[in-house]
């Protein structure tokens, strides 16, 4: 059992992180406009400078498999799928056909994010709102916001206030990973 699974791997520059964020936003806009269907954008919440390594890829693949299993249950065709393996972390995009109800997809995504490895997942559901790709927020569905990995406070508050050290967050995620997939 490893003490900290997030110490080694690719450490992207700030420029790479910002460029990836910009590229992601452009792709999301293009896909929502092109397909006029909800878009699923999946990535991971990994604290610290390392954003990609063998462990992160394994967590990501597990998440993709769980997400795809849930999508299969909807019995709708996949219109678009793309996986990216980037220094800034792996990403997955999917448009599933004939699904107009983005809110039901968000509920499914939240259910995945709330258990086991899902605490590490970041699954956004984007819909077309006046020609813009807009992410559905949990609050729109009256679902509580995400809680911190370590304490019961809202995750965004802990992150903004730097309540926990990166090391403490990494150790907690390592614990979750070891429990779920035994790294």
Foldseek 3Di string as FASTA:
>chain_A
DDQFPQPDAQFDDPVQVVVVVVVVQVVLLVVQVVQQAKKKKKWWAAFDRAADDPLLVVLVVVLVVVLVVVVVVVVFAWPDWDWDDDRNGIMIMTGTPPHRPLVVVVVVLVVQLPDQSSVGMDIWIWGADPSHTDTDDCVVVPHDARAPLPDRHHNVVCVVVVVDPSSVSRSSSVVSCCVPPND
